Amino acid sequence: KKKEEEEPSLSFDASDPRFVPVVRSLRLLARVDGLVDDVFCAPGSPATVFKLLELPRVCPAFDEGYETLTLLSPRRSFADTVAEQRELWRLLCVLERDGGKIGTESASDEATGDEDEAGASGADAAALAGEERDSELQKNGWSALESLSSSPSIATLLIASSGWLELLGILAGYRKFTGTYSARLGAARVLARLLWDPNTGTVAGAPLGRVLPAGVLAVVRGGDE
């Protein structure tokens, strides 16, 4: 009896020239209201979107995936699917990463060598531009989490899991997490949303009230920067 031929694999890595058009197609689909549930609420879809944030930042697919998340995060159906499939931890891991960088470094990003003064000046300018982009990515990433947390399912999940404690750790500057200003401000805003949300305010206030002074809790609830 002949062995059945294996079906050809449809997977390919980020360096494949077909990868960027595929991710771009996801971004375009995310703009179509009638297709969001069919495409992005299927099993494994939220995990796929979040994994795109782990691509090298120089990869065009990274920007496509990042914008896809920005488009999906306000969608209630997507947020409910993230909560149902317990995939929020993937986004939290990216946002909490020490240093606050979203996406990974490419080999060219990490490469160093002997440089003359002109080269050093160019490197400084590139470093500054990189820092500005990192800051913008962080702000948008935390905005996506804040949008997701506006859905009761995600808000409830953050309170029921260790999510609220991790956000508190970022806000307090715990060394295990990123200590960037953008991250601490983002964590404060998400916690504020949990506190004044009628669905989670009472539940969130109890654990936070045990670790935060009343004055600090009032400031967080107010969302003051």
N, C-alpha and C. Protein backbone atom coordinates (compact mmCIF):
# COMPACT_ATOMS: atom_id res chain seq x y z
N LYS A 1 0.85 -1.20 0.00
CA LYS A 1 0.00 0.00 0.00
C LYS A 1 0.88 1.25 0.00
N LYS A 2 0.64 2.15 -0.91
CA LYS A 2 1.44 3.35 -0.98
C LYS A 2 1.07 4.33 0.12
N LYS A 3 2.08 4.97 0.63
CA LYS A 3 1.82 5.98 1.65
C LYS A 3 1.14 7.19 1.01
N GLU A 4 0.19 7.70 1.77
CA GLU A 4 -0.49 8.89 1.29
C GLU A 4 0.46 10.07 1.28
N GLU A 5 0.40 10.83 0.22
CA GLU A 5 1.28 12.00 0.13
C GLU A 5 0.84 13.06 1.13
N GLU A 6 1.81 13.65 1.80
CA GLU A 6 1.50 14.69 2.76
C GLU A 6 1.06 15.96 2.03
N GLU A 7 0.10 16.64 2.63
CA GLU A 7 -0.36 17.89 2.05
C GLU A 7 0.74 18.93 2.19
N PRO A 8 0.93 19.73 1.18
CA PRO A 8 1.99 20.75 1.27
C PRO A 8 1.69 21.76 2.38
N SER A 9 2.72 22.16 3.08
CA SER A 9 2.56 23.12 4.17
C SER A 9 2.29 24.51 3.61
N LEU A 10 1.39 25.23 4.29
CA LEU A 10 1.07 26.59 3.87
C LEU A 10 1.77 27.62 4.75
N SER A 11 2.67 27.16 5.60
CA SER A 11 3.36 28.08 6.50
C SER A 11 4.68 28.53 5.89
N PHE A 12 5.07 29.78 6.22
CA PHE A 12 6.36 30.30 5.78
C PHE A 12 6.76 31.39 6.75
N ASP A 13 8.08 31.62 6.85
CA ASP A 13 8.55 32.56 7.85
C ASP A 13 8.45 34.01 7.36
N ALA A 14 8.82 34.93 8.26
CA ALA A 14 8.64 36.36 7.98
C ALA A 14 9.54 36.86 6.85
N SER A 15 10.58 36.12 6.52
CA SER A 15 11.48 36.54 5.46
C SER A 15 10.94 36.19 4.07
N ASP A 16 9.90 35.36 4.03
CA ASP A 16 9.31 34.97 2.75
C ASP A 16 8.62 36.18 2.13
N PRO A 17 8.84 36.45 0.83
CA PRO A 17 8.22 37.62 0.19
C PRO A 17 6.70 37.59 0.19
N ARG A 18 6.10 36.41 0.42
CA ARG A 18 4.64 36.32 0.46
C ARG A 18 4.06 36.74 1.80
N PHE A 19 4.92 36.88 2.81
CA PHE A 19 4.43 37.11 4.17
C PHE A 19 3.78 38.48 4.32
N VAL A 20 4.44 39.52 3.81
CA VAL A 20 3.92 40.88 3.96
C VAL A 20 2.54 41.03 3.30
N PRO A 21 2.34 40.58 2.06
CA PRO A 21 1.01 40.70 1.46
C PRO A 21 -0.07 39.98 2.26
N VAL A 22 0.29 38.85 2.88
CA VAL A 22 -0.69 38.12 3.69
C VAL A 22 -1.12 38.96 4.89
N VAL A 23 -0.13 39.55 5.59
CA VAL A 23 -0.45 40.36 6.76
C VAL A 23 -1.19 41.63 6.34
N ARG A 24 -0.82 42.19 5.20
CA ARG A 24 -1.53 43.37 4.69
C ARG A 24 -2.99 43.02 4.41
N SER A 25 -3.24 41.83 3.93
CA SER A 25 -4.61 41.39 3.68
C SER A 25 -5.41 41.34 4.98
N LEU A 26 -4.76 40.90 6.06
CA LEU A 26 -5.43 40.89 7.36
C LEU A 26 -5.83 42.30 7.78
N ARG A 27 -4.92 43.25 7.55
CA ARG A 27 -5.23 44.64 7.91
C ARG A 27 -6.44 45.15 7.13
N LEU A 28 -6.48 44.83 5.84
CA LEU A 28 -7.60 45.27 5.02
C LEU A 28 -8.91 44.61 5.45
N LEU A 29 -8.83 43.34 5.82
CA LEU A 29 -10.02 42.64 6.29
C LEU A 29 -10.53 43.23 7.60
N ALA A 30 -9.60 43.72 8.43
CA ALA A 30 -9.99 44.29 9.72
C ALA A 30 -10.81 45.56 9.55
N ARG A 31 -10.75 46.16 8.38
CA ARG A 31 -11.52 47.37 8.10
C ARG A 31 -12.95 47.07 7.65
N VAL A 32 -13.24 45.82 7.37
CA VAL A 32 -14.56 45.44 6.86
C VAL A 32 -15.40 44.92 8.03
N ASP A 33 -16.44 45.65 8.39
CA ASP A 33 -17.25 45.30 9.55
C ASP A 33 -17.80 43.88 9.49
N GLY A 34 -18.32 43.50 8.37
CA GLY A 34 -18.97 42.20 8.26
C GLY A 34 -18.03 41.01 8.32
N LEU A 35 -16.73 41.26 8.19
CA LEU A 35 -15.78 40.15 8.16
C LEU A 35 -14.99 39.98 9.45
N VAL A 36 -15.09 40.93 10.35
CA VAL A 36 -14.30 40.86 11.59
C VAL A 36 -14.63 39.60 12.37
N ASP A 37 -15.91 39.32 12.55
CA ASP A 37 -16.29 38.14 13.32
C ASP A 37 -15.83 36.85 12.65
N ASP A 38 -15.99 36.78 11.33
CA ASP A 38 -15.64 35.56 10.61
C ASP A 38 -14.14 35.30 10.59
N VAL A 39 -13.35 36.37 10.47
CA VAL A 39 -11.90 36.21 10.30
C VAL A 39 -11.16 36.25 11.62
N PHE A 40 -11.47 37.23 12.47
CA PHE A 40 -10.65 37.47 13.66
C PHE A 40 -11.23 36.92 14.96
N CYS A 41 -12.40 36.30 14.88
CA CYS A 41 -12.98 35.69 16.06
C CYS A 41 -12.93 34.16 15.97
N ALA A 42 -12.21 33.66 14.98
CA ALA A 42 -12.04 32.22 14.83
C ALA A 42 -10.98 31.73 15.82
N PRO A 43 -10.98 30.45 16.14
CA PRO A 43 -9.96 29.92 17.06
C PRO A 43 -8.54 30.22 16.58
N GLY A 44 -7.73 30.78 17.45
CA GLY A 44 -6.34 31.07 17.14
C GLY A 44 -6.08 32.42 16.49
N SER A 45 -7.14 33.11 16.08
CA SER A 45 -6.93 34.39 15.39
C SER A 45 -6.33 35.47 16.28
N PRO A 46 -6.84 35.68 17.52
CA PRO A 46 -6.22 36.70 18.38
C PRO A 46 -4.74 36.41 18.64
N ALA A 47 -4.40 35.14 18.83
CA ALA A 47 -2.99 34.79 19.07
C ALA A 47 -2.14 35.17 17.87
N THR A 48 -2.65 34.96 16.67
CA THR A 48 -1.92 35.32 15.46
C THR A 48 -1.66 36.82 15.40
N VAL A 49 -2.69 37.62 15.72
CA VAL A 49 -2.53 39.08 15.69
C VAL A 49 -1.49 39.52 16.71
N PHE A 50 -1.54 38.99 17.92
CA PHE A 50 -0.59 39.39 18.96
C PHE A 50 0.83 38.95 18.64
N LYS A 51 0.97 37.80 17.99
CA LYS A 51 2.30 37.31 17.64
C LYS A 51 2.99 38.21 16.61
N LEU A 52 2.21 38.93 15.83
CA LEU A 52 2.80 39.85 14.85
C LEU A 52 3.58 40.97 15.54
N LEU A 53 3.29 41.25 16.80
CA LEU A 53 4.03 42.27 17.55
C LEU A 53 5.41 41.80 17.95
N GLU A 54 5.71 40.52 17.72
CA GLU A 54 7.03 39.98 18.03
C GLU A 54 7.96 40.01 16.82
N LEU A 55 7.45 40.47 15.68
CA LEU A 55 8.29 40.55 14.48
C LEU A 55 9.34 41.65 14.63
N PRO A 56 10.45 41.56 13.88
CA PRO A 56 11.42 42.67 13.88
C PRO A 56 10.74 43.96 13.43
N ARG A 57 11.06 45.06 14.10
CA ARG A 57 10.40 46.33 13.79
C ARG A 57 10.72 46.83 12.38
N VAL A 58 11.84 46.36 11.80
CA VAL A 58 12.19 46.79 10.44
C VAL A 58 11.40 46.02 9.38
N CYS A 59 10.70 44.97 9.79
CA CYS A 59 9.92 44.17 8.85
C CYS A 59 8.62 44.90 8.53
N PRO A 60 8.31 45.11 7.25
CA PRO A 60 7.06 45.81 6.90
C PRO A 60 5.82 45.14 7.48
N ALA A 61 5.89 43.82 7.67
CA ALA A 61 4.74 43.10 8.22
C ALA A 61 4.47 43.51 9.66
N PHE A 62 5.50 43.99 10.37
CA PHE A 62 5.30 44.44 11.75
C PHE A 62 4.33 45.61 11.78
N ASP A 63 4.55 46.61 10.92
CA ASP A 63 3.66 47.77 10.89
C ASP A 63 2.25 47.38 10.46
N GLU A 64 2.15 46.45 9.52
CA GLU A 64 0.83 45.99 9.08
C GLU A 64 0.10 45.30 10.23
N GLY A 65 0.80 44.45 10.95
CA GLY A 65 0.19 43.74 12.07
C GLY A 65 -0.18 44.68 13.20
N TYR A 66 0.67 45.68 13.43
CA TYR A 66 0.42 46.64 14.50
C TYR A 66 -0.84 47.45 14.20
N GLU A 67 -0.99 47.86 12.95
CA GLU A 67 -2.19 48.61 12.59
C GLU A 67 -3.43 47.72 12.64
N THR A 68 -3.27 46.44 12.35
CA THR A 68 -4.39 45.51 12.44
C THR A 68 -4.91 45.46 13.87
N LEU A 69 -4.00 45.39 14.85
CA LEU A 69 -4.40 45.38 16.25
C LEU A 69 -5.10 46.69 16.61
N THR A 70 -4.58 47.81 16.11
CA THR A 70 -5.18 49.11 16.39
C THR A 70 -6.62 49.16 15.88
N LEU A 71 -6.86 48.56 14.73
CA LEU A 71 -8.20 48.55 14.15
C LEU A 71 -9.14 47.62 14.92
N LEU A 72 -8.60 46.52 15.44
CA LEU A 72 -9.44 45.51 16.08
C LEU A 72 -9.73 45.79 17.55
N SER A 73 -8.83 46.48 18.23
CA SER A 73 -8.96 46.62 19.68
C SER A 73 -10.27 47.29 20.14
N PRO A 74 -10.86 48.23 19.37
CA PRO A 74 -12.14 48.80 19.83
C PRO A 74 -13.35 47.89 19.55
N ARG A 75 -13.14 46.80 18.81
CA ARG A 75 -14.25 45.93 18.43
C ARG A 75 -14.63 45.01 19.59
N ARG A 76 -15.87 45.11 20.02
CA ARG A 76 -16.35 44.31 21.15
C ARG A 76 -16.23 42.81 20.86
N SER A 77 -16.57 42.40 19.66
CA SER A 77 -16.53 40.97 19.32
C SER A 77 -15.11 40.43 19.41
N PHE A 78 -14.13 41.22 18.96
CA PHE A 78 -12.74 40.78 19.04
C PHE A 78 -12.29 40.69 20.49
N ALA A 79 -12.64 41.71 21.29
CA ALA A 79 -12.27 41.69 22.71
C ALA A 79 -12.87 40.48 23.41
N ASP A 80 -14.13 40.17 23.11
CA ASP A 80 -14.77 39.00 23.74
C ASP A 80 -14.06 37.71 23.34
N THR A 81 -13.60 37.65 22.08
CA THR A 81 -12.88 36.46 21.63
C THR A 81 -11.54 36.34 22.32
N VAL A 82 -10.84 37.46 22.50
CA VAL A 82 -9.56 37.46 23.21
C VAL A 82 -9.75 36.93 24.62
N ALA A 83 -10.81 37.39 25.29
CA ALA A 83 -11.09 36.94 26.65
C ALA A 83 -11.48 35.46 26.67
N GLU A 84 -12.31 35.05 25.74
CA GLU A 84 -12.77 33.66 25.70
C GLU A 84 -11.61 32.70 25.44
N GLN A 85 -10.69 33.10 24.56
CA GLN A 85 -9.57 32.22 24.23
C GLN A 85 -8.37 32.43 25.15
N ARG A 86 -8.52 33.31 26.13
CA ARG A 86 -7.46 33.55 27.13
C ARG A 86 -6.13 33.91 26.48
N GLU A 87 -6.17 34.86 25.55
CA GLU A 87 -4.97 35.25 24.82
C GLU A 87 -4.44 36.63 25.21
N LEU A 88 -5.07 37.27 26.18
CA LEU A 88 -4.64 38.62 26.55
C LEU A 88 -3.21 38.64 27.09
N TRP A 89 -2.77 37.53 27.66
CA TRP A 89 -1.43 37.46 28.23
C TRP A 89 -0.35 37.75 27.19
N ARG A 90 -0.62 37.43 25.94
CA ARG A 90 0.37 37.68 24.89
C ARG A 90 0.62 39.18 24.73
N LEU A 91 -0.44 39.96 24.75
CA LEU A 91 -0.28 41.41 24.63
C LEU A 91 0.37 41.99 25.88
N LEU A 92 -0.03 41.50 27.04
CA LEU A 92 0.56 41.98 28.29
C LEU A 92 2.06 41.70 28.33
N CYS A 93 2.47 40.53 27.86
CA CYS A 93 3.90 40.19 27.87
C CYS A 93 4.70 41.16 27.00
N VAL A 94 4.12 41.55 25.87
CA VAL A 94 4.81 42.49 24.97
C VAL A 94 4.92 43.86 25.64
N LEU A 95 3.83 44.32 26.24
CA LEU A 95 3.81 45.65 26.84
C LEU A 95 4.65 45.74 28.10
N GLU A 96 4.76 44.62 28.82
CA GLU A 96 5.48 44.62 30.09
C GLU A 96 6.98 44.40 29.93
N ARG A 97 7.41 44.06 28.74
CA ARG A 97 8.80 43.69 28.52
C ARG A 97 9.76 44.76 29.04
N ASP A 98 10.81 44.31 29.71
CA ASP A 98 11.81 45.23 30.26
C ASP A 98 12.40 46.07 29.13
N GLY A 99 12.37 47.37 29.29
CA GLY A 99 12.83 48.27 28.25
C GLY A 99 11.68 48.85 27.45
N GLY A 100 10.53 48.18 27.51
CA GLY A 100 9.33 48.71 26.89
C GLY A 100 9.29 48.62 25.38
N LYS A 101 10.21 47.89 24.76
CA LYS A 101 10.24 47.83 23.30
C LYS A 101 9.24 46.83 22.78
N ILE A 102 8.46 47.28 21.80
CA ILE A 102 7.51 46.41 21.12
C ILE A 102 8.13 45.98 19.81
N GLY A 103 8.05 44.69 19.52
CA GLY A 103 8.77 44.17 18.36
C GLY A 103 10.16 43.76 18.78
N THR A 104 10.87 43.08 17.91
CA THR A 104 12.21 42.60 18.22
C THR A 104 13.24 43.34 17.39
N GLU A 105 14.48 43.22 17.84
CA GLU A 105 15.59 43.83 17.11
C GLU A 105 15.98 42.94 15.95
N SER A 106 16.36 43.54 14.85
CA SER A 106 16.92 42.77 13.73
C SER A 106 18.43 42.74 13.88
N ALA A 107 19.08 41.91 13.09
CA ALA A 107 20.53 41.82 13.16
C ALA A 107 21.17 43.17 12.86
N SER A 108 20.60 43.91 11.91
CA SER A 108 21.16 45.20 11.54
C SER A 108 20.98 46.22 12.65
N ASP A 109 19.89 46.09 13.45
CA ASP A 109 19.67 47.00 14.56
C ASP A 109 20.75 46.84 15.62
N GLU A 110 21.20 45.57 15.82
CA GLU A 110 22.12 45.28 16.90
C GLU A 110 23.57 45.41 16.48
N ALA A 111 23.82 45.49 15.19
CA ALA A 111 25.19 45.50 14.71
C ALA A 111 25.92 46.77 15.13
N THR A 112 27.15 46.62 15.58
CA THR A 112 27.99 47.75 15.95
C THR A 112 29.36 47.54 15.36
N GLY A 113 30.12 48.60 15.23
CA GLY A 113 31.46 48.47 14.68
C GLY A 113 32.19 49.77 14.78
N ASP A 114 33.39 49.84 14.20
CA ASP A 114 34.16 51.08 14.23
C ASP A 114 33.49 52.11 13.34
N GLU A 115 33.34 53.31 13.86
CA GLU A 115 32.69 54.37 13.11
C GLU A 115 33.52 55.63 13.19
N ASP A 116 33.55 56.40 12.13
CA ASP A 116 34.19 57.70 12.21
C ASP A 116 33.20 58.69 12.81
N GLU A 117 33.61 59.95 12.90
CA GLU A 117 32.75 60.94 13.55
C GLU A 117 31.43 61.11 12.81
N ALA A 118 31.49 61.13 11.49
CA ALA A 118 30.27 61.27 10.70
C ALA A 118 29.35 60.08 10.92
N GLY A 119 29.97 58.88 10.96
CA GLY A 119 29.18 57.68 11.20
C GLY A 119 28.56 57.67 12.58
N ALA A 120 29.32 58.15 13.56
CA ALA A 120 28.80 58.20 14.93
C ALA A 120 27.62 59.17 15.02
N SER A 121 27.75 60.31 14.31
CA SER A 121 26.67 61.29 14.31
C SER A 121 25.41 60.70 13.70
N GLY A 122 25.59 59.97 12.60
CA GLY A 122 24.44 59.32 11.96
C GLY A 122 23.82 58.27 12.86
N ALA A 123 24.67 57.57 13.61
CA ALA A 123 24.18 56.54 14.52
C ALA A 123 23.37 57.17 15.65
N ASP A 124 23.85 58.33 16.13
CA ASP A 124 23.13 59.03 17.20
C ASP A 124 21.75 59.46 16.72
N ALA A 125 21.70 59.98 15.49
CA ALA A 125 20.42 60.41 14.93
C ALA A 125 19.48 59.22 14.76
N ALA A 126 20.04 58.10 14.32
CA ALA A 126 19.22 56.90 14.14
C ALA A 126 18.72 56.39 15.48
N ALA A 127 19.58 56.48 16.51
CA ALA A 127 19.18 56.03 17.84
C ALA A 127 18.04 56.89 18.38
N LEU A 128 18.15 58.21 18.16
CA LEU A 128 17.09 59.12 18.60
C LEU A 128 15.78 58.82 17.90
N ALA A 129 15.86 58.60 16.59
CA ALA A 129 14.66 58.27 15.83
C ALA A 129 14.06 56.96 16.31
N GLY A 130 14.95 56.01 16.66
CA GLY A 130 14.48 54.73 17.17
C GLY A 130 13.77 54.88 18.50
N GLU A 131 14.30 55.74 19.37
CA GLU A 131 13.67 55.97 20.67
C GLU A 131 12.31 56.61 20.51
N GLU A 132 12.20 57.55 19.56
CA GLU A 132 10.92 58.21 19.32
C GLU A 132 9.89 57.21 18.80
N ARG A 133 10.35 56.32 17.93
CA ARG A 133 9.42 55.32 17.39
C ARG A 133 9.00 54.35 18.49
N ASP A 134 9.96 53.95 19.35
CA ASP A 134 9.62 53.07 20.46
C ASP A 134 8.56 53.70 21.34
N SER A 135 8.73 55.00 21.62
CA SER A 135 7.77 55.70 22.47
C SER A 135 6.39 55.72 21.83
N GLU A 136 6.34 55.97 20.53
CA GLU A 136 5.06 56.01 19.82
C GLU A 136 4.41 54.63 19.80
N LEU A 137 5.21 53.58 19.60
CA LEU A 137 4.68 52.23 19.60
C LEU A 137 4.12 51.86 20.97
N GLN A 138 4.83 52.27 22.02
CA GLN A 138 4.35 51.99 23.37
C GLN A 138 3.01 52.67 23.63
N LYS A 139 2.91 53.95 23.27
CA LYS A 139 1.67 54.68 23.49
C LYS A 139 0.51 54.00 22.77
N ASN A 140 0.73 53.63 21.51
CA ASN A 140 -0.33 53.00 20.74
C ASN A 140 -0.66 51.60 21.27
N GLY A 141 0.37 50.88 21.73
CA GLY A 141 0.14 49.56 22.30
C GLY A 141 -0.71 49.62 23.55
N TRP A 142 -0.40 50.57 24.42
CA TRP A 142 -1.19 50.73 25.64
C TRP A 142 -2.58 51.25 25.32
N SER A 143 -2.71 52.06 24.29
CA SER A 143 -4.04 52.52 23.88
C SER A 143 -4.89 51.34 23.40
N ALA A 144 -4.24 50.39 22.73
CA ALA A 144 -4.96 49.19 22.28
C ALA A 144 -5.46 48.40 23.48
N LEU A 145 -4.63 48.25 24.51
CA LEU A 145 -5.05 47.53 25.71
C LEU A 145 -6.19 48.28 26.41
N GLU A 146 -6.08 49.61 26.45
CA GLU A 146 -7.14 50.40 27.07
C GLU A 146 -8.46 50.23 26.30
N SER A 147 -8.38 50.20 24.98
CA SER A 147 -9.59 49.98 24.17
C SER A 147 -10.18 48.60 24.43
N LEU A 148 -9.31 47.60 24.51
CA LEU A 148 -9.79 46.24 24.80
C LEU A 148 -10.45 46.17 26.17
N SER A 149 -9.86 46.87 27.15
CA SER A 149 -10.38 46.80 28.52
C SER A 149 -11.70 47.53 28.68
N SER A 150 -12.12 48.28 27.66
CA SER A 150 -13.43 48.91 27.72
C SER A 150 -14.55 47.89 27.55
N SER A 151 -14.20 46.70 27.07
CA SER A 151 -15.18 45.61 26.96
C SER A 151 -15.25 44.88 28.29
N PRO A 152 -16.46 44.64 28.80
CA PRO A 152 -16.60 43.98 30.11
C PRO A 152 -15.85 42.66 30.22
N SER A 153 -15.79 41.91 29.13
CA SER A 153 -15.13 40.60 29.18
C SER A 153 -13.64 40.73 29.49
N ILE A 154 -12.97 41.72 28.88
CA ILE A 154 -11.55 41.93 29.12
C ILE A 154 -11.34 42.55 30.50
N ALA A 155 -12.18 43.49 30.87
CA ALA A 155 -12.07 44.11 32.19
C ALA A 155 -12.22 43.07 33.29
N THR A 156 -13.20 42.19 33.14
CA THR A 156 -13.41 41.13 34.12
C THR A 156 -12.22 40.18 34.16
N LEU A 157 -11.66 39.87 33.00
CA LEU A 157 -10.51 38.97 32.93
C LEU A 157 -9.30 39.58 33.64
N LEU A 158 -9.07 40.87 33.45
CA LEU A 158 -7.95 41.53 34.11
C LEU A 158 -8.07 41.47 35.63
N ILE A 159 -9.29 41.60 36.13
CA ILE A 159 -9.51 41.56 37.57
C ILE A 159 -9.44 40.13 38.10
N ALA A 160 -9.97 39.18 37.34
CA ALA A 160 -10.00 37.79 37.79
C ALA A 160 -8.63 37.12 37.71
N SER A 161 -7.76 37.64 36.86
CA SER A 161 -6.42 37.06 36.71
C SER A 161 -5.40 37.93 37.45
N SER A 162 -4.14 37.71 37.14
CA SER A 162 -3.09 38.53 37.76
C SER A 162 -2.85 39.82 36.97
N GLY A 163 -3.69 40.07 35.97
CA GLY A 163 -3.49 41.24 35.12
C GLY A 163 -3.45 42.55 35.88
N TRP A 164 -4.40 42.74 36.81
CA TRP A 164 -4.44 44.00 37.56
C TRP A 164 -3.19 44.18 38.41
N LEU A 165 -2.67 43.05 38.94
CA LEU A 165 -1.47 43.11 39.77
C LEU A 165 -0.24 43.47 38.92
N GLU A 166 -0.18 42.94 37.71
CA GLU A 166 0.92 43.26 36.81
C GLU A 166 0.88 44.74 36.41
N LEU A 167 -0.32 45.24 36.15
CA LEU A 167 -0.47 46.66 35.84
C LEU A 167 -0.04 47.53 37.01
N LEU A 168 -0.37 47.09 38.20
CA LEU A 168 0.03 47.82 39.40
C LEU A 168 1.55 47.79 39.55
N GLY A 169 2.17 46.65 39.22
CA GLY A 169 3.62 46.55 39.29
C GLY A 169 4.31 47.50 38.34
N ILE A 170 3.75 47.67 37.15
CA ILE A 170 4.31 48.63 36.19
C ILE A 170 4.15 50.05 36.70
N LEU A 171 2.96 50.35 37.21
CA LEU A 171 2.69 51.69 37.74
C LEU A 171 3.63 52.03 38.89
N ALA A 172 3.92 51.04 39.73
CA ALA A 172 4.78 51.27 40.89
C ALA A 172 6.27 51.23 40.55
N GLY A 173 6.60 50.85 39.32
CA GLY A 173 8.00 50.80 38.92
C GLY A 173 8.73 49.56 39.37
N TYR A 174 7.99 48.46 39.54
CA TYR A 174 8.62 47.21 39.96
C TYR A 174 9.64 46.79 38.91
N ARG A 175 10.83 46.42 39.35
CA ARG A 175 11.94 46.22 38.42
C ARG A 175 11.76 45.06 37.45
N LYS A 176 10.84 44.16 37.73
CA LYS A 176 10.60 43.04 36.82
C LYS A 176 9.99 43.52 35.50
N PHE A 177 9.32 44.66 35.54
CA PHE A 177 8.62 45.16 34.37
C PHE A 177 9.30 46.39 33.80
N THR A 178 8.82 46.81 32.64
CA THR A 178 9.34 48.02 32.04
C THR A 178 9.04 49.22 32.93
N GLY A 179 9.97 50.16 32.95
CA GLY A 179 9.78 51.34 33.79
C GLY A 179 9.62 52.61 32.99
N THR A 180 9.32 52.50 31.70
CA THR A 180 9.20 53.69 30.86
C THR A 180 7.96 54.50 31.26
N TYR A 181 8.04 55.78 31.00
CA TYR A 181 6.92 56.67 31.35
C TYR A 181 5.66 56.28 30.59
N SER A 182 5.81 55.95 29.31
CA SER A 182 4.65 55.57 28.49
C SER A 182 3.95 54.35 29.07
N ALA A 183 4.73 53.38 29.53
CA ALA A 183 4.15 52.17 30.10
C ALA A 183 3.44 52.46 31.42
N ARG A 184 4.07 53.25 32.27
CA ARG A 184 3.47 53.56 33.57
C ARG A 184 2.19 54.37 33.39
N LEU A 185 2.20 55.30 32.43
CA LEU A 185 1.01 56.08 32.15
C LEU A 185 -0.08 55.19 31.56
N GLY A 186 0.31 54.28 30.66
CA GLY A 186 -0.66 53.37 30.07
C GLY A 186 -1.29 52.46 31.11
N ALA A 187 -0.46 51.93 32.03
CA ALA A 187 -0.98 51.07 33.10
C ALA A 187 -1.95 51.83 33.99
N ALA A 188 -1.61 53.10 34.29
CA ALA A 188 -2.48 53.92 35.14
C ALA A 188 -3.84 54.13 34.46
N ARG A 189 -3.83 54.34 33.16
CA ARG A 189 -5.08 54.59 32.45
C ARG A 189 -5.95 53.35 32.40
N VAL A 190 -5.33 52.19 32.21
CA VAL A 190 -6.11 50.95 32.20
C VAL A 190 -6.70 50.69 33.58
N LEU A 191 -5.90 50.89 34.62
CA LEU A 191 -6.41 50.71 35.99
C LEU A 191 -7.54 51.70 36.27
N ALA A 192 -7.39 52.93 35.80
CA ALA A 192 -8.43 53.93 36.00
C ALA A 192 -9.73 53.49 35.33
N ARG A 193 -9.60 52.93 34.13
CA ARG A 193 -10.80 52.47 33.41
C ARG A 193 -11.47 51.34 34.19
N LEU A 194 -10.67 50.45 34.76
CA LEU A 194 -11.24 49.35 35.54
C LEU A 194 -11.97 49.87 36.78
N LEU A 195 -11.45 50.95 37.36
CA LEU A 195 -12.02 51.48 38.60
C LEU A 195 -13.33 52.23 38.36
N TRP A 196 -13.40 52.99 37.27
CA TRP A 196 -14.64 53.73 37.08
C TRP A 196 -15.64 53.03 36.18
N ASP A 197 -15.26 51.87 35.66
CA ASP A 197 -16.21 51.08 34.88
C ASP A 197 -17.26 50.49 35.83
N PRO A 198 -18.55 50.73 35.57
CA PRO A 198 -19.58 50.21 36.47
C PRO A 198 -19.60 48.70 36.59
N ASN A 199 -19.05 48.01 35.59
CA ASN A 199 -19.04 46.55 35.64
C ASN A 199 -17.94 45.99 36.53
N THR A 200 -16.86 46.74 36.69
CA THR A 200 -15.71 46.21 37.44
C THR A 200 -15.24 47.13 38.57
N GLY A 201 -15.80 48.33 38.67
CA GLY A 201 -15.30 49.30 39.64
C GLY A 201 -15.25 48.79 41.06
N THR A 202 -16.34 48.21 41.52
CA THR A 202 -16.40 47.72 42.90
C THR A 202 -15.44 46.57 43.12
N VAL A 203 -15.41 45.65 42.16
CA VAL A 203 -14.53 44.48 42.28
C VAL A 203 -13.07 44.90 42.23
N ALA A 204 -12.73 45.84 41.34
CA ALA A 204 -11.34 46.29 41.20
C ALA A 204 -10.90 47.12 42.40
N GLY A 205 -11.83 47.89 42.97
CA GLY A 205 -11.47 48.75 44.09
C GLY A 205 -11.04 47.98 45.32
N ALA A 206 -11.59 46.79 45.51
CA ALA A 206 -11.28 46.01 46.71
C ALA A 206 -9.80 45.59 46.78
N PRO A 207 -9.27 44.89 45.76
CA PRO A 207 -7.85 44.50 45.84
C PRO A 207 -6.90 45.69 45.77
N LEU A 208 -7.24 46.68 44.94
CA LEU A 208 -6.37 47.85 44.83
C LEU A 208 -6.36 48.65 46.12
N GLY A 209 -7.51 48.68 46.79
CA GLY A 209 -7.60 49.40 48.06
C GLY A 209 -6.77 48.78 49.16
N ARG A 210 -6.44 47.50 49.01
CA ARG A 210 -5.62 46.83 50.02
C ARG A 210 -4.14 47.15 49.88
N VAL A 211 -3.73 47.61 48.70
CA VAL A 211 -2.30 47.86 48.47
C VAL A 211 -1.98 49.32 48.19
N LEU A 212 -2.99 50.13 47.90
CA LEU A 212 -2.76 51.54 47.61
C LEU A 212 -3.41 52.42 48.67
N PRO A 213 -2.72 53.47 49.10
CA PRO A 213 -3.34 54.44 50.01
C PRO A 213 -4.57 55.06 49.34
N ALA A 214 -5.50 55.50 50.15
CA ALA A 214 -6.76 56.05 49.62
C ALA A 214 -6.50 57.21 48.66
N GLY A 215 -5.53 58.08 48.99
CA GLY A 215 -5.23 59.24 48.14
C GLY A 215 -4.71 58.82 46.78
N VAL A 216 -3.80 57.83 46.77
CA VAL A 216 -3.25 57.33 45.50
C VAL A 216 -4.34 56.66 44.68
N LEU A 217 -5.20 55.91 45.36
CA LEU A 217 -6.29 55.23 44.67
C LEU A 217 -7.22 56.24 44.00
N ALA A 218 -7.47 57.35 44.68
CA ALA A 218 -8.33 58.40 44.12
C ALA A 218 -7.70 59.02 42.89
N VAL A 219 -6.37 59.20 42.92
CA VAL A 219 -5.67 59.77 41.77
C VAL A 219 -5.73 58.82 40.58
N VAL A 220 -5.51 57.52 40.85
CA VAL A 220 -5.57 56.53 39.78
C VAL A 220 -6.96 56.46 39.20
N ARG A 221 -7.95 56.47 40.07
CA ARG A 221 -9.34 56.42 39.59
C ARG A 221 -9.66 57.62 38.72
N GLY A 222 -9.09 58.76 39.06
CA GLY A 222 -9.34 59.97 38.26
C GLY A 222 -8.59 60.01 36.96
N GLY A 223 -7.57 59.13 36.83
CA GLY A 223 -6.81 59.08 35.57
C GLY A 223 -5.89 60.26 35.40
N ASP A 224 -5.51 60.95 36.48
CA ASP A 224 -4.61 62.10 36.36
C ASP A 224 -3.22 61.62 35.99
N GLU A 225 -2.54 62.36 35.10
CA GLU A 225 -1.19 61.97 34.67
C GLU A 225 -0.17 62.38 35.73
